[in-house]
C-alpha atoms as a PDB file:
ATOM      1  CA  MET A   1       3.906  17.786 -13.418  1.00  0.00           C
ATOM      2  CA  ASP A   2       6.949  16.870 -11.589  1.00  0.00           C
ATOM      3  CA  PRO A   3       7.925  13.108 -11.421  1.00  0.00           C
ATOM      4  CA  VAL A   4       7.134  11.333  -8.580  1.00  0.00           C
ATOM      5  CA  PRO A   5      10.368  10.593  -6.460  1.00  0.00           C
ATOM      6  CA  THR A   6      11.359   7.107  -5.839  1.00  0.00           C
ATOM      7  CA  LEU A   7      12.558   5.023  -2.221  1.00  0.00           C
ATOM      8  CA  LYS A   8      14.956   2.330  -2.546  1.00  0.00           C
ATOM      9  CA  LEU A   9      14.438  -0.659  -1.283  1.00  0.00           C
ATOM     10  CA  ASN A  10      16.971  -3.051   0.671  1.00  0.00           C
ATOM     11  CA  ASP A  11      16.878  -5.101  -2.568  1.00  0.00           C
ATOM     12  CA  GLY A  12      18.331  -2.109  -4.486  1.00  0.00           C
ATOM     13  CA  ASN A  13      14.966  -1.753  -6.318  1.00  0.00           C
ATOM     14  CA  GLU A  14      13.251   1.684  -6.551  1.00  0.00           C
ATOM     15  CA  ILE A  15       9.858   2.261  -5.587  1.00  0.00           C
ATOM     16  CA  PRO A  16       8.008   5.667  -6.467  1.00  0.00           C
ATOM     17  CA  LEU A  17       6.442   7.409  -3.366  1.00  0.00           C
ATOM     18  CA  LEU A  18       3.257   7.989  -4.460  1.00  0.00           C
ATOM     19  CA  SER A  19       0.796   4.998  -5.887  1.00  0.00           C
ATOM     20  CA  TYR A  20      -3.012   5.034  -7.204  1.00  0.00           C
ATOM     21  CA  GLY A  21      -4.604   1.980  -4.831  1.00  0.00           C
ATOM     22  CA  PHE A  22      -7.620  -0.329  -6.268  1.00  0.00           C
ATOM     23  CA  GLY A  23      -8.729  -1.127  -2.737  1.00  0.00           C
ATOM     24  CA  THR A  24     -11.311   0.600  -0.407  1.00  0.00           C
ATOM     25  CA  ALA A  25     -13.285   2.546  -3.407  1.00  0.00           C
ATOM     26  CA  ASN A  26     -12.363   0.484  -5.793  1.00  0.00           C
ATOM     27  CA  PHE A  27     -12.955  -2.876  -4.300  1.00  0.00           C
ATOM     28  CA  MET A  28     -14.711  -5.572  -6.248  1.00  0.00           C
ATOM     29  CA  GLY A  29     -15.296  -2.458  -8.759  1.00  0.00           C
ATOM     30  CA  ALA A  30     -17.199  -3.164 -12.263  1.00  0.00           C
ATOM     31  CA  GLU A  31     -14.339  -4.167 -14.812  1.00  0.00           C
ATOM     32  CA  ASP A  32     -15.311  -1.351 -17.151  1.00  0.00           C
ATOM     33  CA  ASP A  33     -14.981   1.502 -14.328  1.00  0.00           C
ATOM     34  CA  ILE A  34     -11.797  -0.181 -12.894  1.00  0.00           C
ATOM     35  CA  THR A  35      -9.948  -0.219 -16.573  1.00  0.00           C
ATOM     36  CA  LYS A  36     -11.187   3.766 -16.914  1.00  0.00           C
ATOM     37  CA  LYS A  37      -9.782   4.315 -13.438  1.00  0.00           C
ATOM     38  CA  ALA A  38      -6.463   2.553 -14.364  1.00  0.00           C
ATOM     39  CA  THR A  39      -6.249   4.334 -17.559  1.00  0.00           C
ATOM     40  CA  MET A  40      -7.044   7.844 -16.083  1.00  0.00           C
ATOM     41  CA  ALA A  41      -4.831   7.175 -13.099  1.00  0.00           C
ATOM     42  CA  ILE A  42      -1.599   6.448 -15.473  1.00  0.00           C
ATOM     43  CA  LYS A  43      -2.572   9.372 -17.658  1.00  0.00           C
ATOM     44  CA  CYS A  44      -2.381  11.492 -14.852  1.00  0.00           C
ATOM     45  CA  GLY A  45       0.951  10.086 -14.025  1.00  0.00           C
ATOM     46  CA  TYR A  46       0.543   7.669 -11.543  1.00  0.00           C
ATOM     47  CA  TYR A  47       2.830   4.739 -12.929  1.00  0.00           C
ATOM     48  CA  HIS A  48       2.686   2.983  -9.483  1.00  0.00           C
ATOM     49  CA  LEU A  49      -0.381   0.727  -9.538  1.00  0.00           C
ATOM     50  CA  ASP A  50      -1.291  -1.222  -6.178  1.00  0.00           C
ATOM     51  CA  SER A  51      -3.479  -4.124  -6.724  1.00  0.00           C
ATOM     52  CA  ALA A  52      -4.036  -7.380  -5.101  1.00  0.00           C
ATOM     53  CA  GLN A  53      -6.001 -10.823  -5.604  1.00  0.00           C
ATOM     54  CA  ALA A  54      -8.291 -10.021  -2.707  1.00  0.00           C
ATOM     55  CA  TYR A  55      -9.488  -6.966  -4.414  1.00  0.00           C
ATOM     56  CA  LYS A  56     -11.055  -8.685  -7.260  1.00  0.00           C
ATOM     57  CA  ASN A  57     -10.434  -6.153 -10.008  1.00  0.00           C
ATOM     58  CA  GLU A  58      -6.880  -7.424 -11.450  1.00  0.00           C
ATOM     59  CA  THR A  59      -8.463  -8.146 -14.882  1.00  0.00           C
ATOM     60  CA  GLY A  60      -9.920  -4.157 -15.017  1.00  0.00           C
ATOM     61  CA  VAL A  61      -6.106  -3.133 -14.021  1.00  0.00           C
ATOM     62  CA  GLY A  62      -4.631  -4.931 -16.641  1.00  0.00           C
ATOM     63  CA  ALA A  63      -6.825  -3.710 -18.947  1.00  0.00           C
ATOM     64  CA  GLY A  64      -6.345  -0.296 -18.077  1.00  0.00           C
ATOM     65  CA  ILE A  65      -2.789  -0.374 -18.285  1.00  0.00           C
ATOM     66  CA  LYS A  66      -3.013  -1.908 -21.678  1.00  0.00           C
ATOM     67  CA  ALA A  67      -5.470   0.866 -22.721  1.00  0.00           C
ATOM     68  CA  SER A  68      -2.890   3.505 -21.674  1.00  0.00           C
ATOM     69  CA  GLY A  69      -0.280   2.712 -24.185  1.00  0.00           C
ATOM     70  CA  VAL A  70       2.606   3.145 -21.511  1.00  0.00           C
ATOM     71  CA  PRO A  71       5.576   1.156 -21.751  1.00  0.00           C
ATOM     72  CA  ARG A  72       5.527  -1.996 -18.987  1.00  0.00           C
ATOM     73  CA  GLU A  73       9.195  -0.865 -18.138  1.00  0.00           C
ATOM     74  CA  LYS A  74       7.782   2.735 -17.176  1.00  0.00           C
ATOM     75  CA  LEU A  75       5.080   1.107 -14.728  1.00  0.00           C
ATOM     76  CA  PHE A  76       5.727  -0.146 -11.181  1.00  0.00           C
ATOM     77  CA  VAL A  77       2.819  -2.511 -10.261  1.00  0.00           C
ATOM     78  CA  THR A  78       2.407  -4.159  -6.946  1.00  0.00           C
ATOM     79  CA  THR A  79      -0.108  -6.998  -6.177  1.00  0.00           C
ATOM     80  CA  LYS A  80      -1.028  -9.232  -3.117  1.00  0.00           C
ATOM     81  CA  VAL A  81      -1.419 -13.045  -2.301  1.00  0.00           C
ATOM     82  CA  VAL A  82      -3.816 -13.187   0.634  1.00  0.00           C
ATOM     83  CA  GLY A  83      -1.718 -16.027   2.586  1.00  0.00           C
ATOM     84  CA  THR A  84      -4.367 -18.356   3.594  1.00  0.00           C
ATOM     85  CA  ILE A  85      -3.852 -22.161   4.872  1.00  0.00           C
ATOM     86  CA  ASN A  86      -1.392 -24.278   2.511  1.00  0.00           C
ATOM     87  CA  GLN A  87      -2.553 -21.403  -0.480  1.00  0.00           C
ATOM     88  CA  ASP A  88      -0.199 -22.033  -3.257  1.00  0.00           C
ATOM     89  CA  ALA A  89       1.606 -18.466  -3.890  1.00  0.00           C
ATOM     90  CA  ASN A  90       3.175 -19.461  -7.281  1.00  0.00           C
ATOM     91  CA  ALA A  91      -0.234 -20.324  -8.570  1.00  0.00           C
ATOM     92  CA  ALA A  92      -1.871 -17.079  -7.084  1.00  0.00           C
ATOM     93  CA  LEU A  93       0.740 -15.032  -8.640  1.00  0.00           C
ATOM     94  CA  ASP A  94       0.208 -17.031 -12.054  1.00  0.00           C
ATOM     95  CA  ALA A  95      -3.449 -16.006 -11.808  1.00  0.00           C
ATOM     96  CA  SER A  96      -2.936 -12.579 -11.048  1.00  0.00           C
ATOM     97  CA  LEU A  97      -0.438 -12.362 -13.762  1.00  0.00           C
ATOM     98  CA  LYS A  98      -2.759 -13.720 -16.505  1.00  0.00           C
ATOM     99  CA  GLU A  99      -5.479 -11.232 -15.238  1.00  0.00           C
ATOM    100  CA  LEU A 100      -2.929  -8.385 -15.342  1.00  0.00           C
ATOM    101  CA  GLY A 101      -1.914  -9.293 -18.629  1.00  0.00           C
ATOM    102  CA  LEU A 102       2.038  -8.953 -17.320  1.00  0.00           C
ATOM    103  CA  ASP A 103       4.842 -11.116 -17.192  1.00  0.00           C
ATOM    104  CA  TYR A 104       5.914 -10.100 -14.091  1.00  0.00           C
ATOM    105  CA  VAL A 105       5.080  -7.776 -11.037  1.00  0.00           C
ATOM    106  CA  ASP A 106       7.454  -5.018  -9.442  1.00  0.00           C
ATOM    107  CA  LEU A 107       6.290  -6.082  -6.141  1.00  0.00           C
ATOM    108  CA  TYR A 108       4.275  -9.200  -4.736  1.00  0.00           C
ATOM    109  CA  LEU A 109       3.078  -8.676  -1.229  1.00  0.00           C
ATOM    110  CA  VAL A 110       1.455 -11.284   1.796  1.00  0.00           C
ATOM    111  CA  HIS A 111      -1.712  -9.400   1.951  1.00  0.00           C
ATOM    112  CA  VAL A 112      -1.992 -10.376   5.694  1.00  0.00           C
ATOM    113  CA  PRO A 113      -0.129 -12.382   8.181  1.00  0.00           C
ATOM    114  CA  PHE A 114      -3.159 -14.144   9.943  1.00  0.00           C
ATOM    115  CA  SER A 115      -4.665 -16.351   7.698  1.00  0.00           C
ATOM    116  CA  ALA A 116      -1.869 -18.839   7.222  1.00  0.00           C
ATOM    117  CA  GLY A 117      -3.341 -20.975  10.227  1.00  0.00           C
ATOM    118  CA  SER A 118      -0.549 -20.786  12.418  1.00  0.00           C
ATOM    119  CA  PRO A 119       3.364 -19.403  12.678  1.00  0.00           C
ATOM    120  CA  GLU A 120       4.531 -21.970  10.732  1.00  0.00           C
ATOM    121  CA  GLY A 121       2.134 -21.233   7.880  1.00  0.00           C
ATOM    122  CA  LEU A 122       3.399 -18.219   7.689  1.00  0.00           C
ATOM    123  CA  GLN A 123       6.734 -19.194   7.564  1.00  0.00           C
ATOM    124  CA  ALA A 124       5.996 -21.725   4.744  1.00  0.00           C
ATOM    125  CA  ILE A 125       4.219 -18.634   2.587  1.00  0.00           C
ATOM    126  CA  TRP A 126       7.536 -16.657   3.147  1.00  0.00           C
ATOM    127  CA  LYS A 127       9.096 -19.171   1.585  1.00  0.00           C
ATOM    128  CA  GLN A 128       7.273 -19.469  -1.515  1.00  0.00           C
ATOM    129  CA  MET A 129       7.771 -15.612  -1.771  1.00  0.00           C
ATOM    130  CA  GLU A 130      11.444 -16.114  -1.654  1.00  0.00           C
ATOM    131  CA  ASP A 131      10.959 -18.645  -4.481  1.00  0.00           C
ATOM    132  CA  ILE A 132       8.789 -16.169  -6.508  1.00  0.00           C
ATOM    133  CA  LYS A 133      11.634 -13.567  -5.848  1.00  0.00           C
ATOM    134  CA  ASP A 134      14.201 -16.059  -7.203  1.00  0.00           C
ATOM    135  CA  SER A 135      11.958 -16.801 -10.466  1.00  0.00           C
ATOM    136  CA  GLY A 136      12.314 -13.418 -11.505  1.00  0.00           C
ATOM    137  CA  LYS A 137       8.079 -13.108 -11.696  1.00  0.00           C
ATOM    138  CA  ALA A 138       8.460 -10.561  -9.001  1.00  0.00           C
ATOM    139  CA  LYS A 139      11.006  -7.974  -8.621  1.00  0.00           C
ATOM    140  CA  SER A 140      10.760  -7.342  -4.940  1.00  0.00           C
ATOM    141  CA  ILE A 141       8.774  -9.149  -2.095  1.00  0.00           C
ATOM    142  CA  GLY A 142       6.884  -7.779   0.866  1.00  0.00           C
ATOM    143  CA  VAL A 143       4.069  -8.053   3.191  1.00  0.00           C
ATOM    144  CA  SER A 144       1.153  -6.249   4.631  1.00  0.00           C
ATOM    145  CA  ASN A 145      -0.635  -5.433   7.646  1.00  0.00           C
ATOM    146  CA  PHE A 146       2.212  -7.320   9.396  1.00  0.00           C
ATOM    147  CA  GLU A 147       2.974  -6.489  13.186  1.00  0.00           C
ATOM    148  CA  ILE A 148       6.313  -7.069  14.799  1.00  0.00           C
ATOM    149  CA  GLU A 149       5.367 -10.483  16.139  1.00  0.00           C
ATOM    150  CA  ASP A 150       4.526 -11.794  12.685  1.00  0.00           C
ATOM    151  CA  PHE A 151       8.103  -9.960  11.283  1.00  0.00           C
ATOM    152  CA  GLU A 152       9.554 -12.142  14.177  1.00  0.00           C
ATOM    153  CA  ILE A 153       7.900 -15.453  13.123  1.00  0.00           C
ATOM    154  CA  ILE A 154       9.341 -15.154   9.425  1.00  0.00           C
ATOM    155  CA  MET A 155      12.627 -14.122  10.261  1.00  0.00           C
ATOM    156  CA  LYS A 156      13.407 -17.060  12.022  1.00  0.00           C
ATOM    157  CA  THR A 157      13.480 -19.124   8.901  1.00  0.00           C
ATOM    158  CA  ALA A 158      13.621 -16.101   6.044  1.00  0.00           C
ATOM    159  CA  ARG A 159      16.916 -15.803   3.848  1.00  0.00           C
ATOM    160  CA  ILE A 160      15.494 -12.736   2.188  1.00  0.00           C
ATOM    161  CA  THR A 161      14.054  -9.702   4.473  1.00  0.00           C
ATOM    162  CA  PRO A 162      10.664  -8.208   3.331  1.00  0.00           C
ATOM    163  CA  ALA A 163      11.622  -5.075   1.083  1.00  0.00           C
ATOM    164  CA  ILE A 164       8.061  -3.458   2.612  1.00  0.00           C
ATOM    165  CA  ASN A 165       5.096  -3.627   4.814  1.00  0.00           C
ATOM    166  CA  GLN A 166       1.986  -1.904   3.506  1.00  0.00           C
ATOM    167  CA  ILE A 167      -0.171  -1.066   6.275  1.00  0.00           C
ATOM    168  CA  GLU A 168      -2.843   1.496   7.484  1.00  0.00           C
ATOM    169  CA  TYR A 169      -0.831   4.482   8.460  1.00  0.00           C
ATOM    170  CA  HIS A 170      -1.851   8.313   9.077  1.00  0.00           C
ATOM    171  CA  PRO A 171      -1.585  10.512  12.305  1.00  0.00           C
ATOM    172  CA  TYR A 172      -4.407   8.782  13.905  1.00  0.00           C
ATOM    173  CA  LEU A 173      -2.709   5.322  13.326  1.00  0.00           C
ATOM    174  CA  GLN A 174       0.665   5.609  13.847  1.00  0.00           C
ATOM    175  CA  HIS A 175       2.649   2.349  14.603  1.00  0.00           C
ATOM    176  CA  ARG A 176       5.411   3.720  16.167  1.00  0.00           C
ATOM    177  CA  GLU A 177       6.555   1.001  17.752  1.00  0.00           C
ATOM    178  CA  LEU A 178       6.169  -0.956  14.345  1.00  0.00           C
ATOM    179  CA  VAL A 179       7.941   1.808  12.094  1.00  0.00           C
ATOM    180  CA  ALA A 180      10.836   1.881  14.517  1.00  0.00           C
ATOM    181  CA  PHE A 181      11.513  -1.670  14.356  1.00  0.00           C
ATOM    182  CA  GLN A 182      11.093  -1.270  10.524  1.00  0.00           C
ATOM    183  CA  ARG A 183      13.761   1.306  10.196  1.00  0.00           C
ATOM    184  CA  GLN A 184      16.089  -0.649  12.584  1.00  0.00           C
ATOM    185  CA  HIS A 185      15.628  -3.878  10.073  1.00  0.00           C
ATOM    186  CA  ASN A 186      15.416  -1.299   6.682  1.00  0.00           C
ATOM    187  CA  ILE A 187      12.223  -2.458   5.755  1.00  0.00           C
ATOM    188  CA  ALA A 188      10.171   0.446   4.127  1.00  0.00           C
ATOM    189  CA  VAL A 189       6.567   1.391   5.154  1.00  0.00           C
ATOM    190  CA  SER A 190       3.845   1.682   2.589  1.00  0.00           C
ATOM    191  CA  ALA A 191       0.685   3.975   3.829  1.00  0.00           C
ATOM    192  CA  TYR A 192      -2.882   2.503   2.603  1.00  0.00           C
ATOM    193  CA  SER A 193      -5.848   5.182   3.936  1.00  0.00           C
ATOM    194  CA  PRO A 194      -3.407   8.113   4.502  1.00  0.00           C
ATOM    195  CA  LEU A 195      -6.312  10.779   4.185  1.00  0.00           C
ATOM    196  CA  ALA A 196      -8.614   9.015   6.876  1.00  0.00           C
ATOM    197  CA  PRO A 197      -8.152  12.075   9.108  1.00  0.00           C
ATOM    198  CA  ILE A 198     -10.009  14.175   6.514  1.00  0.00           C
ATOM    199  CA  THR A 199     -12.205  11.550   5.646  1.00  0.00           C
ATOM    200  CA  ALA A 200     -13.596   8.578   7.618  1.00  0.00           C
ATOM    201  CA  ALA A 201     -12.307  10.081  10.940  1.00  0.00           C
ATOM    202  CA  ARG A 202     -13.498  13.504  10.476  1.00  0.00           C
ATOM    203  CA  PRO A 203     -14.250  15.400  12.948  1.00  0.00           C
ATOM    204  CA  GLY A 204     -10.972  15.414  14.583  1.00  0.00           C
ATOM    205  CA  PRO A 205      -8.320  17.121  16.124  1.00  0.00           C
ATOM    206  CA  LEU A 206      -6.302  17.864  13.144  1.00  0.00           C
ATOM    207  CA  ASP A 207      -9.275  19.221  11.395  1.00  0.00           C
ATOM    208  CA  ASP A 208      -7.903  23.025  12.231  1.00  0.00           C
ATOM    209  CA  LEU A 209      -4.116  21.997  11.912  1.00  0.00           C
ATOM    210  CA  TYR A 210      -4.624  20.699   8.035  1.00  0.00           C
ATOM    211  CA  ALA A 211      -6.744  23.661   7.060  1.00  0.00           C
ATOM    212  CA  GLU A 212      -3.843  26.311   8.749  1.00  0.00           C
ATOM    213  CA  LEU A 213      -1.426  24.341   6.954  1.00  0.00           C
ATOM    214  CA  ALA A 214      -3.052  24.078   3.636  1.00  0.00           C
ATOM    215  CA  HIS A 215      -3.773  27.701   3.725  1.00  0.00           C
ATOM    216  CA  LYS A 216      -0.197  28.458   4.542  1.00  0.00           C
ATOM    217  CA  TYR A 217       1.019  26.375   1.378  1.00  0.00           C
ATOM    218  CA  GLY A 218      -1.718  27.296  -0.895  1.00  0.00           C
ATOM    219  CA  VAL A 219      -2.651  23.385  -1.212  1.00  0.00           C
ATOM    220  CA  THR A 220      -5.864  21.042  -0.199  1.00  0.00           C
ATOM    221  CA  GLU A 221      -5.735  19.353   2.992  1.00  0.00           C
ATOM    222  CA  SER A 222      -5.547  16.228   1.122  1.00  0.00           C
ATOM    223  CA  ASP A 223      -2.192  17.430  -0.345  1.00  0.00           C
ATOM    224  CA  ILE A 224      -1.186  17.838   3.771  1.00  0.00           C
ATOM    225  CA  GLY A 225      -1.999  14.282   4.686  1.00  0.00           C
ATOM    226  CA  LEU A 226      -0.379  12.885   1.923  1.00  0.00           C
ATOM    227  CA  ARG A 227       2.626  15.130   2.568  1.00  0.00           C
ATOM    228  CA  TRP A 228       3.115  14.352   5.726  1.00  0.00           C
ATOM    229  CA  CYS A 229       3.824  10.386   4.638  1.00  0.00           C
ATOM    230  CA  ILE A 230       6.153  11.420   1.971  1.00  0.00           C
ATOM    231  CA  ASP A 231       8.208  13.554   4.116  1.00  0.00           C
ATOM    232  CA  GLN A 232       8.655  10.438   6.128  1.00  0.00           C
ATOM    233  CA  ASN A 233      10.023   8.655   3.262  1.00  0.00           C
ATOM    234  CA  VAL A 234       6.446   6.534   3.400  1.00  0.00           C
ATOM    235  CA  VAL A 235       5.354   5.031   0.422  1.00  0.00           C
ATOM    236  CA  THR A 236       1.567   6.697   0.052  1.00  0.00           C
ATOM    237  CA  ILE A 237      -1.718   4.987  -1.328  1.00  0.00           C
ATOM    238  CA  THR A 238      -4.722   6.974  -2.589  1.00  0.00           C
ATOM    239  CA  THR A 239      -7.484   6.544  -4.753  1.00  0.00           C
ATOM    240  CA  SER A 240     -10.233   8.900  -6.272  1.00  0.00           C
ATOM    241  CA  SER A 241     -12.565   8.633  -9.159  1.00  0.00           C
ATOM    242  CA  SER A 242     -11.872  12.428  -9.860  1.00  0.00           C
ATOM    243  CA  GLU A 243      -9.122  13.157 -12.438  1.00  0.00           C
ATOM    244  CA  GLN A 244      -9.141  16.728 -11.334  1.00  0.00           C
ATOM    245  CA  ARG A 245      -8.125  15.725  -7.612  1.00  0.00           C
ATOM    246  CA  LEU A 246      -5.623  13.415  -9.054  1.00  0.00           C
ATOM    247  CA  GLN A 247      -4.046  16.027 -11.462  1.00  0.00           C
ATOM    248  CA  GLY A 248      -4.082  18.468  -8.547  1.00  0.00           C
ATOM    249  CA  TYR A 249      -1.658  16.183  -6.636  1.00  0.00           C
ATOM    250  CA  MET A 250       0.710  15.913  -9.128  1.00  0.00           C
ATOM    251  CA  ASN A 251       0.836  19.086  -9.730  1.00  0.00           C
ATOM    252  CA  LYS A 252       1.238  20.516  -6.132  1.00  0.00           C
ATOM    253  CA  LEU A 253       2.312  17.406  -3.874  1.00  0.00           C
ATOM    254  CA  PHE A 254       5.854  17.867  -5.200  1.00  0.00           C
ATOM    255  CA  LYS A 255       6.422  21.614  -4.939  1.00  0.00           C
ATOM    256  CA  PHE A 256       6.242  21.745  -1.086  1.00  0.00           C
ATOM    257  CA  LYS A 257       7.633  20.150   1.828  1.00  0.00           C
ATOM    258  CA  LEU A 258       6.354  20.209   5.387  1.00  0.00           C
ATOM    259  CA  THR A 259       8.805  21.033   8.152  1.00  0.00           C
ATOM    260  CA  PRO A 260      10.381  18.759  10.456  1.00  0.00           C
ATOM    261  CA  ALA A 261       8.435  20.524  13.265  1.00  0.00           C
ATOM    262  CA  GLU A 262       4.997  20.498  11.374  1.00  0.00           C
ATOM    263  CA  ILE A 263       5.585  16.514  10.657  1.00  0.00           C
ATOM    264  CA  GLU A 264       5.878  16.316  14.436  1.00  0.00           C
ATOM    265  CA  LYS A 265       2.988  18.776  15.242  1.00  0.00           C
ATOM    266  CA  ILE A 266       0.685  16.985  13.186  1.00  0.00           C
ATOM    267  CA  ALA A 267       2.007  13.551  14.765  1.00  0.00           C
ATOM    268  CA  GLU A 268       1.589  14.807  18.409  1.00  0.00           C
ATOM    269  CA  VAL A 269      -2.107  16.282  17.322  1.00  0.00           C
ATOM    270  CA  GLY A 270      -2.905  12.947  16.053  1.00  0.00           C
ATOM    271  CA  LYS A 271      -2.078  10.825  19.219  1.00  0.00           C
ATOM    272  CA  GLN A 272      -5.259  12.602  20.704  1.00  0.00           C
ATOM    273  CA  LYS A 273      -7.464   9.865  18.627  1.00  0.00           C
ATOM    274  CA  HIS A 274      -7.451   6.446  17.557  1.00  0.00           C
ATOM    275  CA  HIS A 275      -9.142   5.479  14.151  1.00  0.00           C
ATOM    276  CA  MET A 276      -8.684   2.273  12.386  1.00  0.00           C
ATOM    277  CA  GLY A 277     -10.842   1.203   9.279  1.00  0.00           C
ATOM    278  CA  MET A 278     -12.431  -2.001   8.549  1.00  0.00           C
ATOM    279  CA  GLY A 279      -9.583  -3.516   6.332  1.00  0.00           C
ATOM    280  CA  ILE A 280      -8.485  -6.067   9.124  1.00  0.00           C
ATOM    281  CA  ALA A 281     -11.423  -6.907  10.318  1.00  0.00           C
ATOM    282  CA  TYR A 282     -12.968  -7.662   6.858  1.00  0.00           C
ATOM    283  CA  MET A 283     -10.029  -9.953   5.612  1.00  0.00           C
ATOM    284  CA  SER A 284     -10.250 -11.674   9.279  1.00  0.00           C
ATOM    285  CA  ALA A 285     -14.047 -12.595   8.691  1.00  0.00           C
ATOM    286  CA  THR A 286     -13.240 -13.526   5.165  1.00  0.00           C
ATOM    287  CA  TYR A 287     -10.292 -15.525   5.268  1.00  0.00           C
ATOM    288  CA  GLY A 288      -9.715 -16.728   8.930  1.00  0.00           C
ATOM    289  CA  ASN A 289      -7.229 -15.099  11.553  1.00  0.00           C
ATOM    290  CA  TYR A 290      -5.648 -17.728  13.330  1.00  0.00           C
ATOM    291  CA  LYS A 291      -4.382 -15.295  16.018  1.00  0.00           C
ATOM    292  CA  THR A 292      -7.983 -14.355  17.163  1.00  0.00           C
ATOM    293  CA  GLY A 293      -9.470 -18.027  16.514  1.00  0.00           C
ATOM    294  CA  VAL A 294     -11.497 -16.671  13.783  1.00  0.00           C
ATOM    295  CA  LYS A 295     -12.061 -19.304  11.034  1.00  0.00           C
ATOM    296  CA  ALA A 296     -12.483 -18.621   7.617  1.00  0.00           C
ATOM    297  CA  PRO A 297     -16.264 -19.238   6.243  1.00  0.00           C
END
């Protein structure tokens, strides 16, 4: 099993390029089930774990971390504060740390930019994030589901630039302008739902190309989908309940690379279809979205 390569963030900290995520299929999972999955993921070499307050499963993740027996310093743990109107981000982190059984997280993210009620509300949330980084309770701070306009809002008052933006990212949702903006400002990209083209968005124009490349490299189509992100230095979040599949990624994913021409071909073919998951719609309906006028229930 090859070690997972890392990416250096703009604050100097390093983040593993492959992560096991506790959203999507693990969302609001039973504690025992989440604990088993966390332990399984760590056993398979996934030392980067991605959780969130909104997933409502941090207690299970924490129990899995404890059961794994892996020293804390070897793990990279991410969690998120929703970022609602007047939310106390420090109190939310304290609650997350208690559930995770940890003294600090490696990365703390604002989960969505649109539930803060207003641009000023978003700036206030980011100010709290900066204070959290200063306190040492989060080694790095970043954002999730941000668009360019959201970055422009917080950059008016920020003294610390977000280290990363976690977004839905795959060939059917490439966010080209956003990614270019982030590269320009040295803000890393992290991808959730990287395998949408071979799961929720199938059938699609990439089906034959993924199959062809999987055959060429002697890997699975999922390996191709994950590698497309990793080869672009995108931190890639995957999830599976199959230990065999997780081990398969670890055994094969870092033994091959797509060529620049193959990366671009996947991107070009991917432009033929648009697919977006339900994450943004769910967060908007549950926590409100000041941009669209949706009020929190």
